[in-house]
Amino acid sequence: MSWTPYYRGTGVPPKDGAQVPKLPAPPPWRAPAGQEADSGKDPATTYRPIPGLVDAVNAALHLRRPLLLTGRAGSGKSTVIRQIAVELGLGQVLHWHITSRSTLADALYRYDALGRIHAHNLRPVNGRIRTDGEGHGDDIGEFVQLGPLGTALLPGGRPRALLIDEIDKSDLDLPSDLLDVLERGGFEIPELARYHKAKTTVRTADKEGTHVVERGWIQCTEFPVIVLTSNGERDFPAPFLRRCIRFDMPALSEETLKDIVTAHLGDIEDSITVALVMDFLKKLNTGEYVAIDQLLNAVYLLRGGHAPDPDQRQSLKNMLLQGLGRG
């Protein structure tokens, strides 16, 4: 790409007949979901595992245990599961992003009771809309949707890949709540267990996906391949840690950073790119909190002669590589 000031800060639209400039293609790592392959730089192929990570992944696969990756933000933890899924042909990765409000129940399934009541009351009976709850025949399956974890536990010929992202942001009890489900590989949906039909078709976390649940019980035939990520912000209970394969992402080196940039952007022998890598590494070594995608952003915009003058280049570098506020 080349640096172009599409926005000039004038608020003046193009004059009649003037051609509106077309915005540039996004960086390869910013392609919309599902279009990564079209960009030519799918993260699954550009990711470079650090030493020891491949062994940790294989240990988790052999033992059918979740892999807990701990490291600073932007170190590529969440990309690992995408690479695993591509190499092993596990299909689309399921994603459960953890917040302080996340619950195990939501990750397993959601039942829209109010929506069912509303639809039940509005369903036509003898050619008219009932308003008093009369009539029968509503399908509870229309109002049950499996979450990412619930979908990962569906039976199938191959395991599903599941990312549980930022587990350290969860409620204190959530890691322990996960233990029973991950050990058994199954769970009950009480609303379906009490339903008068033995088999119910419900929606899954996959786009337009459905699955027939029998007597309210879901049981995997293959334990899912699970990667949990943590930024190292808290400790976890020993029973939870005992059931995980743990790997701490080591400090990034100059060689590792150059490999990452090369994988995404090609040759990095120009002096601007090398200088950006060294500036980024210096920030890391002095304890400043910065992420790898910031380095990629800076290299993408500033390599070569894109920025018109040294002052603007320096200003852009300071903006793109500024610290994230915590170490």
Protein backbone atom coordinates (compact mmCIF):
# COMPACT_ATOMS: atom_id res chain seq x y z
CA MET A 1 0.00 0.00 0.00
CA SER A 2 0.97 3.66 -0.13
CA TRP A 3 0.11 6.40 2.33
CA THR A 4 -2.87 8.43 1.03
CA PRO A 5 -4.79 11.09 3.01
CA TYR A 6 -8.34 10.07 2.06
CA TYR A 7 -9.75 12.23 4.83
CA ARG A 8 -8.50 15.86 4.73
CA GLY A 9 -10.54 17.41 7.52
CA THR A 10 -12.35 19.96 5.34
CA GLY A 11 -15.90 18.60 5.49
CA VAL A 12 -16.26 19.47 1.79
CA PRO A 13 -17.78 16.70 -0.40
CA PRO A 14 -16.37 15.97 -3.86
CA LYS A 15 -17.43 18.44 -6.50
CA ASP A 16 -19.90 17.43 -9.20
CA GLY A 17 -18.26 14.94 -11.51
CA ALA A 18 -15.24 14.44 -9.27
CA GLN A 19 -14.30 10.83 -8.70
CA VAL A 20 -14.57 9.71 -5.11
CA PRO A 21 -11.38 7.84 -4.18
CA LYS A 22 -11.84 4.18 -3.35
CA LEU A 23 -10.61 3.18 0.08
CA PRO A 24 -7.67 0.75 0.12
CA ALA A 25 -8.00 -2.92 0.87
CA PRO A 26 -7.66 -3.64 4.61
CA PRO A 27 -4.52 -5.24 6.03
CA PRO A 28 -4.53 -9.03 5.65
CA TRP A 29 -5.26 -9.56 9.37
CA ARG A 30 -8.28 -7.20 9.20
CA ALA A 31 -10.26 -9.10 6.58
CA PRO A 32 -13.89 -9.67 7.68
CA ALA A 33 -14.69 -13.06 9.19
CA GLY A 34 -14.87 -15.71 6.51
CA GLN A 35 -12.81 -13.69 3.99
CA GLU A 36 -9.35 -14.35 5.43
CA ALA A 37 -8.49 -16.83 2.69
CA ASP A 38 -9.49 -14.29 0.03
CA SER A 39 -7.02 -11.81 1.51
CA GLY A 40 -4.22 -14.31 0.94
CA LYS A 41 -3.11 -14.15 4.59
CA ASP A 42 -5.27 -16.42 6.69
CA PRO A 43 -4.08 -16.15 10.33
CA ALA A 44 -4.04 -19.94 10.48
CA THR A 45 -1.24 -20.02 7.92
CA THR A 46 0.65 -16.89 8.97
CA TYR A 47 0.83 -17.76 12.68
CA ARG A 48 4.25 -18.92 13.84
CA PRO A 49 4.18 -21.08 17.01
CA ILE A 50 6.85 -20.26 19.56
CA PRO A 51 9.20 -23.01 20.81
CA GLY A 52 7.41 -25.53 23.02
CA LEU A 53 3.90 -24.62 21.92
CA VAL A 54 3.60 -27.41 19.34
CA ASP A 55 4.46 -29.99 22.01
CA ALA A 56 1.89 -28.47 24.39
CA VAL A 57 -0.82 -28.66 21.72
CA ASN A 58 0.00 -32.28 20.94
CA ALA A 59 -0.01 -33.18 24.63
CA ALA A 60 -3.49 -31.67 24.96
CA LEU A 61 -4.69 -33.57 21.88
CA HIS A 62 -3.32 -36.90 23.12
CA LEU A 63 -4.76 -36.49 26.62
CA ARG A 64 -8.06 -34.92 25.51
CA ARG A 65 -7.48 -32.05 27.92
CA PRO A 66 -8.07 -28.31 27.45
CA LEU A 67 -4.97 -26.24 26.67
CA LEU A 68 -4.59 -23.18 28.91
CA LEU A 69 -2.40 -20.52 27.28
CA THR A 70 -1.17 -17.66 29.46
CA GLY A 71 0.52 -14.56 28.10
CA ARG A 72 0.17 -10.88 27.38
CA ALA A 73 -2.52 -9.58 25.04
CA GLY A 74 -1.59 -9.66 21.38
CA SER A 75 0.83 -12.58 21.70
CA GLY A 76 -1.23 -14.77 19.38
CA LYS A 77 -2.91 -17.02 21.96
CA SER A 78 -6.33 -16.99 20.33
CA THR A 79 -4.89 -17.77 16.88
CA VAL A 80 -3.56 -21.14 18.04
CA ILE A 81 -6.99 -22.81 17.97
CA ARG A 82 -7.62 -21.56 14.43
CA GLN A 83 -4.40 -23.12 13.25
CA ILE A 84 -5.24 -26.38 15.02
CA ALA A 85 -8.71 -26.45 13.44
CA VAL A 86 -7.31 -25.88 9.94
CA GLU A 87 -4.56 -28.49 10.22
CA LEU A 88 -6.85 -31.14 11.70
CA GLY A 89 -9.93 -30.34 9.60
CA LEU A 90 -12.13 -29.54 12.59
CA GLY A 91 -14.30 -26.97 10.83
CA GLN A 92 -15.33 -23.53 12.05
CA VAL A 93 -13.95 -22.59 15.46
CA LEU A 94 -16.55 -21.95 18.14
CA HIS A 95 -15.82 -18.87 20.26
CA TRP A 96 -16.83 -18.14 23.85
CA HIS A 97 -15.56 -14.72 24.89
CA ILE A 98 -15.57 -14.43 28.68
CA THR A 99 -16.70 -11.36 30.62
CA SER A 100 -17.42 -10.84 34.30
CA ARG A 101 -21.09 -11.61 33.54
CA SER A 102 -20.47 -14.87 31.68
CA THR A 103 -22.14 -17.99 33.07
CA LEU A 104 -21.78 -21.66 32.30
CA ALA A 105 -25.50 -21.86 31.54
CA ASP A 106 -25.27 -19.26 28.77
CA ALA A 107 -22.35 -21.10 27.17
CA LEU A 108 -24.35 -24.35 27.17
CA TYR A 109 -27.76 -23.13 25.96
CA ARG A 110 -30.35 -20.38 26.17
CA TYR A 111 -34.09 -20.86 26.52
CA ASP A 112 -36.26 -17.92 25.52
CA ALA A 113 -39.25 -18.56 27.78
CA LEU A 114 -40.79 -15.13 27.25
CA GLY A 115 -40.47 -15.43 23.48
CA ARG A 116 -42.20 -18.80 23.60
CA ILE A 117 -45.07 -17.42 25.68
CA HIS A 118 -45.48 -14.48 23.32
CA ALA A 119 -45.44 -16.69 20.21
CA HIS A 120 -47.82 -19.15 21.85
CA ASN A 121 -50.37 -16.43 22.54
CA LEU A 122 -50.17 -15.04 19.01
CA ARG A 123 -50.32 -18.33 17.11
CA PRO A 124 -53.54 -18.59 15.00
CA VAL A 125 -56.28 -20.92 16.22
CA ASN A 126 -59.10 -21.70 13.79
CA GLY A 127 -58.10 -18.80 11.58
CA ARG A 128 -57.85 -16.15 14.31
CA ILE A 129 -55.12 -14.89 16.61
CA ARG A 130 -55.67 -16.05 20.16
CA THR A 131 -54.93 -13.68 23.00
CA ASP A 132 -55.72 -15.80 26.04
CA GLY A 133 -53.25 -18.66 25.72
CA GLU A 134 -55.79 -21.09 24.18
CA GLY A 135 -54.65 -23.83 21.84
CA HIS A 136 -51.70 -26.19 21.68
CA GLY A 137 -48.92 -27.27 19.34
CA ASP A 138 -46.10 -24.81 20.05
CA ASP A 139 -42.58 -26.17 19.44
CA ILE A 140 -40.19 -25.51 22.31
CA GLY A 141 -37.23 -26.19 20.03
CA GLU A 142 -37.76 -22.86 18.27
CA PHE A 143 -36.81 -21.12 21.52
CA VAL A 144 -33.77 -23.16 22.55
CA GLN A 145 -30.34 -22.31 21.15
CA LEU A 146 -27.12 -24.03 22.12
CA GLY A 147 -24.21 -21.80 23.11
CA PRO A 148 -20.62 -22.32 21.94
CA LEU A 149 -19.79 -24.87 24.65
CA GLY A 150 -23.08 -26.71 24.18
CA THR A 151 -22.49 -26.89 20.44
CA ALA A 152 -18.93 -28.15 20.97
CA LEU A 153 -20.32 -31.05 23.03
CA LEU A 154 -22.67 -32.30 20.31
CA PRO A 155 -21.95 -35.86 19.12
CA GLY A 156 -20.13 -36.15 15.82
CA GLY A 157 -17.49 -38.00 13.89
CA ARG A 158 -14.79 -35.42 14.64
CA PRO A 159 -14.26 -33.15 17.65
CA ARG A 160 -15.16 -29.46 17.46
CA ALA A 161 -12.64 -26.70 18.15
CA LEU A 162 -13.60 -24.24 20.89
CA LEU A 163 -11.85 -21.06 22.03
CA ILE A 164 -12.63 -19.91 25.58
CA ASP A 165 -11.11 -16.46 25.47
CA GLU A 166 -9.87 -14.48 28.51
CA ILE A 167 -10.96 -16.98 31.17
CA ASP A 168 -9.32 -14.82 33.85
CA LYS A 169 -12.05 -12.19 33.39
CA SER A 170 -14.71 -14.65 34.56
CA ASP A 171 -16.56 -14.80 37.84
CA LEU A 172 -14.51 -16.58 40.50
CA ASP A 173 -16.70 -19.69 40.37
CA LEU A 174 -16.82 -20.19 36.61
CA PRO A 175 -13.58 -22.24 36.22
CA SER A 176 -14.81 -24.65 38.87
CA ASP A 177 -18.28 -24.79 37.28
CA LEU A 178 -16.65 -25.90 34.04
CA LEU A 179 -15.03 -28.96 35.61
CA ASP A 180 -18.05 -31.27 35.72
CA VAL A 181 -19.12 -30.53 32.15
CA LEU A 182 -15.59 -30.94 30.78
CA GLU A 183 -15.12 -34.19 32.66
CA ARG A 184 -18.42 -35.78 31.61
CA GLY A 185 -18.60 -34.28 28.16
CA GLY A 186 -22.34 -33.89 28.50
CA PHE A 187 -25.14 -31.89 30.10
CA GLU A 188 -28.92 -31.80 30.46
CA ILE A 189 -31.38 -29.22 29.18
CA PRO A 190 -34.13 -29.48 31.84
CA GLU A 191 -36.76 -27.75 29.71
CA LEU A 192 -36.36 -30.42 27.03
CA ALA A 193 -36.12 -33.28 29.53
CA ARG A 194 -39.60 -32.30 30.78
CA TYR A 195 -41.03 -31.73 27.31
CA HIS A 196 -43.69 -34.15 26.09
CA LYS A 197 -41.73 -35.01 22.92
CA ALA A 198 -38.72 -37.32 23.22
CA LYS A 199 -36.86 -35.64 20.37
CA THR A 200 -36.58 -31.91 19.81
CA THR A 201 -34.77 -29.97 17.10
CA VAL A 202 -32.88 -26.99 18.50
CA ARG A 203 -30.63 -24.34 16.99
CA THR A 204 -26.88 -24.46 17.50
CA ALA A 205 -24.17 -21.79 17.68
CA ASP A 206 -23.33 -22.49 14.04
CA LYS A 207 -24.96 -20.28 11.43
CA GLU A 208 -28.30 -21.88 10.51
CA GLY A 209 -27.20 -25.02 12.36
CA THR A 210 -29.69 -27.37 14.03
CA HIS A 211 -29.48 -30.59 16.02
CA VAL A 212 -31.99 -33.13 17.32
CA VAL A 213 -31.77 -33.50 21.09
CA GLU A 214 -33.19 -36.68 22.62
CA ARG A 215 -34.80 -36.48 26.07
CA GLY A 216 -32.99 -33.28 26.88
CA TRP A 217 -29.51 -34.80 27.13
CA ILE A 218 -26.46 -33.86 25.05
CA GLN A 219 -23.39 -36.10 25.16
CA CYS A 220 -20.28 -35.74 23.05
CA THR A 221 -18.76 -38.73 21.28
CA GLU A 222 -15.43 -36.89 20.97
CA PHE A 223 -14.21 -34.43 23.58
CA PRO A 224 -13.85 -31.02 21.93
CA VAL A 225 -10.44 -29.49 21.29
CA ILE A 226 -10.44 -26.55 23.71
CA VAL A 227 -7.99 -23.68 24.03
CA LEU A 228 -8.44 -21.34 26.98
CA THR A 229 -6.56 -18.04 27.03
CA SER A 230 -5.49 -16.02 30.04
CA ASN A 231 -3.64 -12.73 30.36
CA GLY A 232 -2.21 -13.87 33.70
CA GLU A 233 -4.39 -11.51 35.73
CA ARG A 234 -5.49 -14.07 38.35
CA ASP A 235 -4.83 -17.50 39.82
CA PHE A 236 -7.08 -20.48 39.19
CA PRO A 237 -8.13 -23.26 41.60
CA ALA A 238 -5.89 -26.33 41.66
CA PRO A 239 -8.62 -28.79 40.51
CA PHE A 240 -9.14 -26.67 37.41
CA LEU A 241 -5.42 -26.39 36.65
CA ARG A 242 -4.97 -30.13 37.17
CA ARG A 243 -7.38 -30.81 34.33
CA CYS A 244 -5.62 -28.51 31.87
CA ILE A 245 -2.39 -28.67 29.90
CA ARG A 246 -0.75 -25.33 30.76
CA PHE A 247 1.65 -23.34 28.63
CA ASP A 248 3.06 -19.90 29.42
CA MET A 249 3.87 -17.84 26.36
CA PRO A 250 7.54 -16.77 26.75
CA ALA A 251 8.86 -13.26 26.24
CA LEU A 252 9.05 -12.24 22.59
CA SER A 253 12.50 -12.08 21.03
CA GLU A 254 13.78 -10.08 18.07
CA GLU A 255 13.87 -13.23 15.94
CA THR A 256 10.28 -14.14 16.86
CA LEU A 257 9.02 -10.64 16.08
CA LYS A 258 10.75 -10.63 12.69
CA ASP A 259 9.25 -14.04 11.88
CA ILE A 260 5.76 -12.76 12.75
CA VAL A 261 6.10 -9.61 10.64
CA THR A 262 7.57 -11.58 7.73
CA ALA A 263 4.70 -14.08 7.84
CA HIS A 264 2.14 -11.27 7.54
CA LEU A 265 3.91 -8.72 5.35
CA GLY A 266 6.75 -10.44 3.56
CA ASP A 267 10.36 -9.25 3.40
CA ILE A 268 11.36 -6.94 6.27
CA GLU A 269 14.90 -6.06 5.27
CA ASP A 270 14.14 -2.36 4.77
CA SER A 271 15.55 -0.10 7.48
CA ILE A 272 12.18 1.36 8.52
CA THR A 273 10.74 -2.07 9.36
CA VAL A 274 13.84 -3.18 11.24
CA ALA A 275 13.80 0.06 13.25
CA LEU A 276 10.12 -0.42 14.14
CA VAL A 277 10.78 -3.97 15.31
CA MET A 278 13.65 -2.78 17.50
CA ASP A 279 11.58 0.10 18.93
CA PHE A 280 8.78 -2.33 19.73
CA LEU A 281 11.17 -4.78 21.39
CA LYS A 282 12.64 -1.94 23.47
CA LYS A 283 9.18 -1.07 24.75
CA LEU A 284 8.62 -4.70 25.72
CA ASN A 285 11.95 -4.96 27.50
CA THR A 286 11.29 -1.82 29.54
CA GLY A 287 7.97 -3.22 30.76
CA GLU A 288 5.67 -1.17 28.54
CA TYR A 289 2.45 -2.96 27.67
CA VAL A 290 2.13 -3.20 23.88
CA ALA A 291 0.62 -5.84 21.57
CA ILE A 292 1.91 -7.50 18.42
CA ASP A 293 -0.94 -6.21 16.28
CA GLN A 294 0.28 -2.67 17.08
CA LEU A 295 3.64 -3.55 15.55
CA LEU A 296 1.95 -4.98 12.46
CA ASN A 297 -0.15 -1.82 12.12
CA ALA A 298 2.95 0.38 12.32
CA VAL A 299 4.93 -1.67 9.81
CA TYR A 300 1.98 -1.81 7.41
CA LEU A 301 1.54 1.98 7.40
CA LEU A 302 5.09 3.26 7.78
CA ARG A 303 7.43 0.94 5.90
CA GLY A 304 9.08 2.44 2.84
CA GLY A 305 8.33 6.03 1.88
CA HIS A 306 4.61 6.06 2.63
CA ALA A 307 4.56 8.81 5.25
CA PRO A 308 5.37 12.11 3.51
CA ASP A 309 7.95 13.43 5.96
CA PRO A 310 10.00 12.27 8.98
CA ASP A 311 7.96 14.33 11.46
CA GLN A 312 4.68 12.78 10.36
CA ARG A 313 6.27 9.33 10.37
CA GLN A 314 7.41 9.84 13.97
CA SER A 315 4.00 11.15 14.99
CA LEU A 316 2.25 8.16 13.45
CA LYS A 317 4.70 5.74 15.07
CA ASN A 318 4.08 7.28 18.50
CA MET A 319 0.32 6.99 17.97
CA LEU A 320 0.40 3.39 16.76
CA LEU A 321 2.87 2.07 19.34
CA GLN A 322 1.61 3.87 22.43
CA GLY A 323 1.31 1.73 25.56
CA LEU A 324 -1.93 0.02 26.52
CA GLY A 325 -1.89 1.33 30.05
CA ARG A 326 -0.82 -1.64 32.16
CA GLY A 327 2.18 -3.88 32.49
